[in-house]
Structures are given as structure tokens and as C-alpha cells.
Amino acid sequence: MSCDHLICARCSHPVSEGRCPTCRAAHAELHGHRSIPPALVLAGLVALLFTLLVLRQLAL
């Protein structure tokens, strides 16, 4: 579904323009503007580092 044809009930403008906080929230929800949390990135890097250290010890 596209927000190009949706009209905001709060400001009466197209949602795609994002004129009010409600429009911006609806636009972000429709387009999935979600990013990976920094804590998850850090946890992944720690897990990768741990795996590399274990593999290095096994190779010796």
C-alpha cells in the first residue's frame, strides 16, 4: 500500500508530504523506516569477535 493517495485526518494534506507529526508517523510506519538498534549491532560484533577468537584457539 502506498501513502501517495492517503489524506491525513489531522492536517488534510497528503500523508506523503509529512506536514504534521501524524503524517510523518504514518509514512514511517507504511515504509518501514526502522533501523537496527545499536545494542543489537554491538551484540553481533561481540559474538563475531568471540567466534573468531574461539576458531583461532582451535586452529593452534
Protein backbone atom coordinates (compact mmCIF):
# COMPACT_ATOMS: atom_id res chain seq x y z
CA MET A 1 0.00 0.00 0.00
CA SER A 2 1.26 3.44 -0.88
CA CYS A 3 0.74 6.62 1.09
CA ASP A 4 0.63 8.74 -2.08
CA HIS A 5 -3.17 8.77 -2.11
CA LEU A 6 -3.81 8.83 1.64
CA ILE A 7 -5.08 12.06 3.17
CA CYS A 8 -4.27 12.91 6.79
CA ALA A 9 -7.32 13.46 9.01
CA ARG A 10 -5.39 15.91 11.14
CA CYS A 11 -3.98 18.35 8.58
CA SER A 12 -5.97 17.40 5.42
CA HIS A 13 -2.83 17.10 3.30
CA PRO A 14 -1.35 14.04 1.60
CA VAL A 15 0.44 11.76 4.06
CA SER A 16 3.40 11.53 1.68
CA GLU A 17 4.17 15.22 2.30
CA GLY A 18 4.63 14.61 6.04
CA ARG A 19 3.40 18.04 7.14
CA CYS A 20 2.38 17.07 10.67
CA PRO A 21 3.68 14.53 13.23
CA THR A 22 0.76 12.22 12.45
CA CYS A 23 1.64 12.22 8.74
CA ARG A 24 5.30 11.54 9.46
CA ALA A 25 4.45 8.67 11.81
CA ALA A 26 2.06 7.09 9.29
CA HIS A 27 4.59 7.49 6.49
CA ALA A 28 7.34 5.88 8.57
CA GLU A 29 5.04 3.01 9.56
CA LEU A 30 3.99 2.32 5.97
CA HIS A 31 7.52 2.41 4.62
CA GLY A 32 9.13 0.52 7.46
CA HIS A 33 11.68 3.17 8.36
CA ARG A 34 13.07 1.12 11.16
CA SER A 35 16.73 0.63 11.77
CA ILE A 36 18.72 -1.95 13.65
CA PRO A 37 19.18 -0.89 17.27
CA PRO A 38 22.79 -0.03 18.16
CA ALA A 39 22.73 -2.58 21.00
CA LEU A 40 21.94 -5.35 18.50
CA VAL A 41 24.80 -4.27 16.23
CA LEU A 42 27.18 -4.25 19.20
CA ALA A 43 25.99 -7.68 20.33
CA GLY A 44 26.57 -9.03 16.83
CA LEU A 45 30.09 -7.63 16.72
CA VAL A 46 30.89 -9.11 20.13
CA ALA A 47 29.55 -12.51 19.04
CA LEU A 48 31.62 -12.34 15.84
CA LEU A 49 34.76 -11.42 17.77
CA PHE A 50 34.16 -14.24 20.25
CA THR A 51 33.67 -16.73 17.40
CA LEU A 52 36.86 -15.60 15.71
CA LEU A 53 38.83 -15.94 18.95
CA VAL A 54 37.49 -19.46 19.54
CA LEU A 55 38.33 -20.50 15.98
CA ARG A 56 41.81 -19.04 16.34
CA GLN A 57 42.39 -21.05 19.54
CA LEU A 58 41.16 -24.24 17.89
CA ALA A 59 43.49 -23.72 14.93
CA LEU A 60 46.57 -23.56 17.16
